[in-house]
Amino acid sequence: MKSIVFVVLVSLSSTLLAQGLTETFDEECSCFVITNHYENGQISSVHHENVNRNRVGAEKVYSAGGNLNYERNWEKGKLHGSGTFYHPDGSVYINEQYVEGQKVGKWNFQDPQGTPIQTIEYTGHGNDGTYSHFYTGQLYFVQKLENGALVNSEVVNQELYDIVQEEGSATTK
């Protein structure tokens, strides 16, 4: 009887430990590994923090079903390097790039079939950059932001632009 109670208690405690936030220290990287769990026990996220509690290294975030939602990198508490967001089916949604916390380079947004939805060419200053919008994989509209303000908009394909505007107004009725 005592062994049955012990097994039940061990099983219950391991189930409870698999929920919520856990923190361990990894001697190899001299950093804390922070793991968060959903109520069902699945890992919701994993990231690393240095002894100063700044995020470092890889961060991964998962859905409740265990699918990878996104992964990105940190250095000295700031996003740094490449990252990828995924559609629920596992296909790439966004490829992103950061340098010391600033959005840089070309970010590609695509649908689950890999067709371009939008690209943003960031300058490294906030959200400044060139935003290119696509419909069925074809470029139809380009916008440019400088110092956080819209400085230029250009309709590249009027026919596609009109279709997108019509579809947008139909969904708001």
Protein backbone atom coordinates (compact mmCIF):
# COMPACT_ATOMS: atom_id res chain seq x y z
CA MET A 1 0.00 0.00 0.00
CA LYS A 2 2.82 2.41 0.88
CA SER A 3 4.44 1.80 -2.52
CA ILE A 4 1.18 2.59 -4.33
CA VAL A 5 0.82 5.87 -2.43
CA PHE A 6 4.47 6.71 -3.20
CA VAL A 7 4.00 6.01 -6.94
CA VAL A 8 0.85 8.16 -7.00
CA LEU A 9 2.62 11.02 -5.21
CA VAL A 10 5.64 10.84 -7.53
CA SER A 11 3.38 10.79 -10.59
CA LEU A 12 1.32 13.69 -9.28
CA SER A 13 4.39 15.78 -8.40
CA SER A 14 6.01 15.22 -11.80
CA THR A 15 2.74 16.27 -13.48
CA LEU A 16 2.57 19.42 -11.38
CA LEU A 17 6.21 20.25 -12.08
CA ALA A 18 5.54 20.03 -15.83
CA GLN A 19 3.15 23.00 -15.56
CA GLY A 20 4.07 26.65 -15.17
CA LEU A 21 7.53 28.19 -15.11
CA THR A 22 10.75 26.32 -14.41
CA GLU A 23 14.25 27.73 -14.15
CA THR A 24 17.52 25.83 -14.14
CA PHE A 25 21.12 26.96 -14.28
CA ASP A 26 23.20 25.58 -17.15
CA GLU A 27 26.90 25.43 -16.20
CA GLU A 28 27.92 25.02 -19.86
CA CYS A 29 26.61 28.44 -20.90
CA SER A 30 26.68 29.98 -17.40
CA CYS A 31 23.07 30.97 -17.93
CA PHE A 32 19.58 30.29 -16.68
CA VAL A 33 17.27 28.20 -18.86
CA ILE A 34 13.71 29.45 -18.45
CA THR A 35 11.00 27.03 -19.55
CA ASN A 36 7.29 27.78 -19.43
CA HIS A 37 4.55 25.16 -19.82
CA TYR A 38 0.90 25.10 -20.80
CA GLU A 39 -1.57 23.53 -18.39
CA ASN A 40 -1.47 20.36 -20.52
CA GLY A 41 2.25 20.02 -19.72
CA GLN A 42 3.48 20.97 -23.21
CA ILE A 43 6.34 23.45 -23.33
CA SER A 44 5.10 26.92 -24.31
CA SER A 45 8.49 28.64 -24.44
CA VAL A 46 12.19 28.25 -23.70
CA HIS A 47 14.76 31.03 -23.47
CA HIS A 48 18.09 31.73 -21.77
CA GLU A 49 19.14 34.55 -19.44
CA ASN A 50 22.65 35.45 -18.34
CA VAL A 51 23.52 36.04 -14.68
CA ASN A 52 22.50 39.71 -15.12
CA ARG A 53 19.06 38.40 -16.21
CA ASN A 54 19.43 39.64 -19.80
CA ARG A 55 18.12 37.31 -22.48
CA VAL A 56 20.84 35.58 -24.50
CA GLY A 57 20.87 32.87 -27.13
CA ALA A 58 17.93 31.10 -28.69
CA GLU A 59 14.29 31.63 -27.78
CA LYS A 60 11.60 29.20 -28.95
CA VAL A 61 7.84 29.54 -28.51
CA TYR A 62 5.42 26.66 -29.11
CA SER A 63 1.67 26.21 -29.53
CA ALA A 64 -0.32 24.21 -26.97
CA GLY A 65 -0.18 21.32 -29.44
CA GLY A 66 3.62 21.38 -29.49
CA ASN A 67 4.18 23.06 -32.88
CA LEU A 68 6.96 25.64 -33.11
CA ASN A 69 5.40 29.14 -33.44
CA TYR A 70 8.65 31.09 -33.69
CA GLU A 71 12.33 31.07 -32.92
CA ARG A 72 14.71 33.99 -32.63
CA ASN A 73 17.99 35.01 -30.99
CA TRP A 74 19.00 37.38 -28.23
CA GLU A 75 22.30 39.02 -27.33
CA LYS A 76 22.83 41.18 -24.23
CA GLY A 77 19.08 41.44 -23.67
CA LYS A 78 18.29 42.60 -27.22
CA LEU A 79 17.01 40.75 -30.25
CA HIS A 80 19.98 40.03 -32.48
CA GLY A 81 20.37 37.87 -35.56
CA SER A 82 17.77 35.99 -37.51
CA GLY A 83 14.37 34.75 -36.46
CA THR A 84 11.54 32.82 -38.06
CA PHE A 85 7.79 32.74 -37.42
CA TYR A 86 5.77 29.76 -38.64
CA HIS A 87 2.22 29.11 -39.82
CA PRO A 88 0.31 26.43 -37.86
CA ASP A 89 1.19 23.89 -40.59
CA GLY A 90 4.92 24.50 -39.97
CA SER A 91 5.60 26.49 -43.14
CA VAL A 92 7.52 29.77 -42.82
CA TYR A 93 5.44 32.91 -42.28
CA ILE A 94 8.14 35.54 -41.60
CA ASN A 95 11.91 35.65 -41.78
CA GLU A 96 13.23 38.52 -39.68
CA GLN A 97 16.59 40.07 -38.86
CA TYR A 98 17.74 42.21 -35.91
CA VAL A 99 20.99 43.96 -35.01
CA GLU A 100 21.22 45.01 -31.35
CA GLY A 101 17.42 45.23 -31.06
CA GLN A 102 16.86 47.12 -34.31
CA LYS A 103 14.89 45.66 -37.21
CA VAL A 104 17.18 45.49 -40.24
CA GLY A 105 17.32 43.99 -43.69
CA LYS A 106 14.58 42.43 -45.72
CA TRP A 107 11.75 40.71 -43.88
CA ASN A 108 9.67 38.36 -46.01
CA PHE A 109 6.05 37.55 -45.12
CA GLN A 110 4.43 34.68 -46.99
CA ASP A 111 1.31 32.53 -46.96
CA PRO A 112 1.45 28.79 -46.16
CA GLN A 113 2.13 27.99 -49.83
CA GLY A 114 5.19 30.28 -49.86
CA THR A 115 3.53 33.06 -51.89
CA PRO A 116 4.73 36.56 -50.90
CA ILE A 117 2.26 38.67 -48.91
CA GLN A 118 4.57 41.52 -47.94
CA THR A 119 8.24 42.41 -47.77
CA ILE A 120 9.70 45.10 -45.56
CA GLU A 121 13.21 46.44 -46.11
CA TYR A 122 14.09 47.94 -42.72
CA THR A 123 16.72 50.68 -42.42
CA GLY A 124 17.69 49.91 -38.81
CA HIS A 125 15.80 52.91 -37.40
CA GLY A 126 12.56 51.76 -35.73
CA ASN A 127 9.91 50.86 -38.30
CA ASP A 128 11.48 53.01 -41.04
CA GLY A 129 11.83 51.28 -44.36
CA THR A 130 10.12 50.28 -47.59
CA TYR A 131 6.94 48.21 -47.32
CA SER A 132 5.97 46.25 -50.43
CA HIS A 133 2.50 44.68 -50.55
CA PHE A 134 1.57 41.67 -52.68
CA TYR A 135 -1.71 40.14 -53.84
CA THR A 136 -1.60 36.58 -55.14
CA GLY A 137 2.18 36.94 -55.21
CA GLN A 138 2.15 40.09 -57.37
CA LEU A 139 3.39 43.47 -56.18
CA TYR A 140 0.62 46.08 -56.14
CA PHE A 141 1.52 48.76 -53.56
CA VAL A 142 4.71 50.26 -52.02
CA GLN A 143 5.03 52.59 -49.02
CA LYS A 144 8.06 54.29 -47.51
CA LEU A 145 8.41 55.35 -43.87
CA GLU A 146 11.09 57.75 -42.59
CA ASN A 147 11.37 58.97 -38.98
CA GLY A 148 8.17 57.04 -38.24
CA ALA A 149 6.15 58.97 -40.82
CA LEU A 150 4.78 57.90 -44.19
CA VAL A 151 6.72 59.84 -46.85
CA ASN A 152 5.69 58.03 -50.03
CA SER A 153 2.98 55.69 -51.31
CA GLU A 154 2.91 54.28 -54.81
CA VAL A 155 0.29 52.10 -56.47
CA VAL A 156 2.31 49.78 -58.70
CA ASN A 157 -0.62 47.76 -60.08
CA GLN A 158 -3.92 49.69 -60.05
CA GLU A 159 -6.07 46.67 -60.95
CA LEU A 160 -4.76 44.60 -58.03
CA TYR A 161 -4.92 47.62 -55.71
CA ASP A 162 -8.62 48.08 -56.55
CA ILE A 163 -9.32 44.39 -55.90
CA VAL A 164 -7.65 44.57 -52.49
CA GLN A 165 -9.54 47.76 -51.61
CA GLU A 166 -12.85 46.18 -52.67
CA GLU A 167 -12.15 43.01 -50.66
CA GLY A 168 -11.20 45.13 -47.65
CA SER A 169 -14.39 47.19 -47.79
CA ALA A 170 -16.48 44.01 -48.21
CA THR A 171 -15.09 42.55 -44.97
CA THR A 172 -15.88 45.69 -42.96
CA LYS A 173 -19.58 45.83 -43.98
